[in-house]
Amino acid sequence: MNEITWTMLLEVKQVKLKQDLWGIGKTGDIFKVFKDSHHRFIRRNNNTGTAFYLIDLIKLYGDGIFELEYK
């Protein structure tokens, strides 16, 4: 597993799931990354539904199930 740093998360623009995550999405789902002054969170492309903090998902599930697309 690669070590993802906070600085790397600042540059992520979207996330694609490599496997199903119950309650979050299915394999192949793409999420846009939104940011405020302190957090990076993901939400589906249509901007509906629950927002999830990206760093928390990576801590819980590891970075191997996410394909991160950088700017």
N, C-alpha and C. Protein backbone atom coordinates (compact mmCIF):
# COMPACT_ATOMS: atom_id res chain seq x y z
N MET A 1 0.84 -1.17 0.00
CA MET A 1 0.00 0.00 0.00
C MET A 1 0.89 1.24 0.00
N ASN A 2 0.59 2.17 -0.87
CA ASN A 2 1.32 3.43 -0.90
C ASN A 2 0.86 4.32 0.24
N GLU A 3 1.79 5.12 0.74
CA GLU A 3 1.45 6.08 1.79
C GLU A 3 0.91 7.34 1.14
N ILE A 4 -0.35 7.65 1.39
CA ILE A 4 -0.96 8.86 0.84
C ILE A 4 -0.81 9.96 1.87
N THR A 5 -0.28 11.07 1.44
CA THR A 5 -0.07 12.19 2.35
C THR A 5 -1.17 13.23 2.16
N TRP A 6 -1.30 14.11 3.14
CA TRP A 6 -2.27 15.19 3.06
C TRP A 6 -2.01 16.03 1.82
N THR A 7 -0.74 16.29 1.53
CA THR A 7 -0.38 17.11 0.36
C THR A 7 -0.88 16.46 -0.93
N MET A 8 -0.77 15.14 -1.02
CA MET A 8 -1.26 14.43 -2.20
C MET A 8 -2.77 14.58 -2.34
N LEU A 9 -3.49 14.54 -1.22
CA LEU A 9 -4.95 14.67 -1.27
C LEU A 9 -5.38 16.04 -1.77
N LEU A 10 -4.55 17.04 -1.56
CA LEU A 10 -4.88 18.38 -2.04
C LEU A 10 -5.00 18.44 -3.55
N GLU A 11 -4.33 17.51 -4.25
CA GLU A 11 -4.30 17.52 -5.71
C GLU A 11 -5.27 16.55 -6.36
N VAL A 12 -6.01 15.76 -5.58
CA VAL A 12 -6.95 14.78 -6.14
C VAL A 12 -8.19 15.50 -6.64
N LYS A 13 -8.60 15.18 -7.89
CA LYS A 13 -9.81 15.82 -8.43
C LYS A 13 -10.99 14.86 -8.54
N GLN A 14 -10.72 13.56 -8.67
CA GLN A 14 -11.81 12.59 -8.63
C GLN A 14 -11.29 11.23 -8.21
N VAL A 15 -12.22 10.40 -7.75
CA VAL A 15 -11.91 9.08 -7.21
C VAL A 15 -12.80 8.06 -7.89
N LYS A 16 -12.21 6.92 -8.27
CA LYS A 16 -12.97 5.83 -8.87
C LYS A 16 -12.81 4.61 -7.96
N LEU A 17 -13.92 3.92 -7.66
CA LEU A 17 -13.86 2.74 -6.81
C LEU A 17 -13.39 1.53 -7.61
N LYS A 18 -12.47 0.77 -7.04
CA LYS A 18 -11.98 -0.46 -7.66
C LYS A 18 -12.75 -1.69 -7.17
N GLN A 19 -13.54 -1.53 -6.11
CA GLN A 19 -14.39 -2.61 -5.61
C GLN A 19 -15.60 -2.01 -4.92
N ASP A 20 -16.62 -2.84 -4.71
CA ASP A 20 -17.84 -2.38 -4.05
C ASP A 20 -17.55 -1.99 -2.60
N LEU A 21 -18.16 -0.90 -2.16
CA LEU A 21 -18.14 -0.50 -0.75
C LEU A 21 -19.59 -0.30 -0.33
N TRP A 22 -20.07 -1.19 0.52
CA TRP A 22 -21.47 -1.15 0.93
C TRP A 22 -21.78 0.21 1.52
N GLY A 23 -22.88 0.81 1.05
CA GLY A 23 -23.31 2.10 1.55
C GLY A 23 -22.63 3.29 0.91
N ILE A 24 -21.62 3.02 0.08
CA ILE A 24 -20.89 4.12 -0.56
C ILE A 24 -21.02 4.05 -2.07
N GLY A 25 -20.68 2.91 -2.66
CA GLY A 25 -20.79 2.79 -4.11
C GLY A 25 -20.35 1.43 -4.60
N LYS A 26 -20.44 1.25 -5.92
CA LYS A 26 -20.09 0.00 -6.56
C LYS A 26 -18.82 0.17 -7.39
N THR A 27 -18.23 -0.94 -7.75
CA THR A 27 -17.04 -0.92 -8.57
C THR A 27 -17.27 -0.06 -9.81
N GLY A 28 -16.34 0.84 -10.07
CA GLY A 28 -16.43 1.70 -11.24
C GLY A 28 -17.10 3.04 -11.01
N ASP A 29 -17.76 3.21 -9.85
CA ASP A 29 -18.39 4.50 -9.54
C ASP A 29 -17.32 5.58 -9.44
N ILE A 30 -17.65 6.75 -9.97
CA ILE A 30 -16.72 7.88 -9.95
C ILE A 30 -17.30 8.97 -9.06
N PHE A 31 -16.45 9.51 -8.22
CA PHE A 31 -16.82 10.57 -7.28
C PHE A 31 -15.96 11.79 -7.54
N LYS A 32 -16.57 12.95 -7.53
CA LYS A 32 -15.84 14.22 -7.60
C LYS A 32 -15.31 14.54 -6.21
N VAL A 33 -14.17 15.21 -6.16
CA VAL A 33 -13.60 15.64 -4.88
C VAL A 33 -13.91 17.12 -4.69
N PHE A 34 -14.51 17.42 -3.57
CA PHE A 34 -14.82 18.80 -3.21
C PHE A 34 -13.97 19.16 -2.01
N LYS A 35 -13.75 20.43 -1.81
CA LYS A 35 -12.90 20.82 -0.70
C LYS A 35 -13.42 22.07 -0.01
N ASP A 36 -13.15 22.11 1.28
CA ASP A 36 -13.34 23.35 2.02
C ASP A 36 -11.97 23.70 2.59
N SER A 37 -11.90 24.57 3.53
CA SER A 37 -10.59 25.01 4.00
C SER A 37 -9.79 23.92 4.71
N HIS A 38 -10.47 22.89 5.23
CA HIS A 38 -9.76 21.89 6.02
C HIS A 38 -9.93 20.45 5.54
N HIS A 39 -10.89 20.17 4.68
CA HIS A 39 -11.20 18.78 4.35
C HIS A 39 -11.33 18.58 2.84
N ARG A 40 -11.15 17.34 2.44
CA ARG A 40 -11.45 16.90 1.09
C ARG A 40 -12.52 15.83 1.23
N PHE A 41 -13.61 16.00 0.52
CA PHE A 41 -14.66 15.01 0.61
C PHE A 41 -15.12 14.65 -0.79
N ILE A 42 -15.74 13.47 -0.91
CA ILE A 42 -16.20 13.00 -2.21
C ILE A 42 -17.71 12.94 -2.22
N ARG A 43 -18.24 13.13 -3.41
CA ARG A 43 -19.68 13.07 -3.63
C ARG A 43 -19.87 12.58 -5.07
N ARG A 44 -20.95 11.90 -5.33
CA ARG A 44 -21.21 11.39 -6.69
C ARG A 44 -21.21 12.53 -7.70
N ASN A 45 -21.01 12.18 -8.96
CA ASN A 45 -20.93 13.18 -10.03
C ASN A 45 -22.16 14.07 -10.12
N ASN A 46 -23.32 13.56 -9.73
CA ASN A 46 -24.53 14.37 -9.81
C ASN A 46 -24.72 15.23 -8.56
N ASN A 47 -23.73 15.23 -7.68
CA ASN A 47 -23.72 16.07 -6.47
C ASN A 47 -24.88 15.80 -5.52
N THR A 48 -25.40 14.59 -5.54
CA THR A 48 -26.48 14.25 -4.62
C THR A 48 -25.99 13.20 -3.64
N GLY A 49 -26.74 13.01 -2.61
CA GLY A 49 -26.41 11.98 -1.64
C GLY A 49 -25.41 12.46 -0.60
N THR A 50 -24.96 11.52 0.17
CA THR A 50 -24.06 11.79 1.28
C THR A 50 -22.66 12.11 0.78
N ALA A 51 -22.02 13.03 1.46
CA ALA A 51 -20.61 13.31 1.19
C ALA A 51 -19.77 12.51 2.19
N PHE A 52 -18.65 11.99 1.73
CA PHE A 52 -17.75 11.20 2.57
C PHE A 52 -16.39 11.87 2.61
N TYR A 53 -15.79 11.93 3.79
CA TYR A 53 -14.44 12.47 3.89
C TYR A 53 -13.45 11.48 3.30
N LEU A 54 -12.70 11.92 2.33
CA LEU A 54 -11.78 11.04 1.61
C LEU A 54 -10.73 10.45 2.53
N ILE A 55 -10.15 11.24 3.41
CA ILE A 55 -9.10 10.73 4.29
C ILE A 55 -9.64 9.64 5.21
N ASP A 56 -10.87 9.77 5.67
CA ASP A 56 -11.46 8.75 6.54
C ASP A 56 -11.67 7.44 5.79
N LEU A 57 -12.12 7.52 4.54
CA LEU A 57 -12.31 6.31 3.74
C LEU A 57 -10.99 5.61 3.49
N ILE A 58 -9.95 6.38 3.22
CA ILE A 58 -8.63 5.78 2.98
C ILE A 58 -8.10 5.14 4.25
N LYS A 59 -8.31 5.77 5.39
CA LYS A 59 -7.88 5.18 6.66
C LYS A 59 -8.63 3.88 6.95
N LEU A 60 -9.93 3.85 6.66
CA LEU A 60 -10.73 2.66 6.94
C LEU A 60 -10.46 1.51 5.99
N TYR A 61 -10.38 1.81 4.70
CA TYR A 61 -10.33 0.76 3.69
C TYR A 61 -8.99 0.63 2.98
N GLY A 62 -8.06 1.55 3.22
CA GLY A 62 -6.78 1.54 2.51
C GLY A 62 -6.92 2.22 1.17
N ASP A 63 -5.80 2.52 0.56
CA ASP A 63 -5.84 3.24 -0.71
C ASP A 63 -5.92 2.30 -1.91
N GLY A 64 -5.82 0.99 -1.69
CA GLY A 64 -5.83 0.04 -2.78
C GLY A 64 -7.16 -0.10 -3.50
N ILE A 65 -8.24 0.32 -2.88
CA ILE A 65 -9.54 0.18 -3.53
C ILE A 65 -9.98 1.46 -4.22
N PHE A 66 -9.12 2.48 -4.19
CA PHE A 66 -9.44 3.74 -4.83
C PHE A 66 -8.45 4.03 -5.95
N GLU A 67 -8.96 4.47 -7.07
CA GLU A 67 -8.11 4.97 -8.15
C GLU A 67 -8.22 6.49 -8.09
N LEU A 68 -7.14 7.14 -7.70
CA LEU A 68 -7.15 8.59 -7.51
C LEU A 68 -6.67 9.27 -8.78
N GLU A 69 -7.44 10.24 -9.24
CA GLU A 69 -7.04 11.03 -10.41
C GLU A 69 -6.63 12.41 -9.93
N TYR A 70 -5.40 12.77 -10.27
CA TYR A 70 -4.84 14.04 -9.82
C TYR A 70 -5.02 15.11 -10.88
N LYS A 71 -4.92 16.37 -10.44
CA LYS A 71 -5.04 17.52 -11.36
C LYS A 71 -3.89 17.52 -12.33
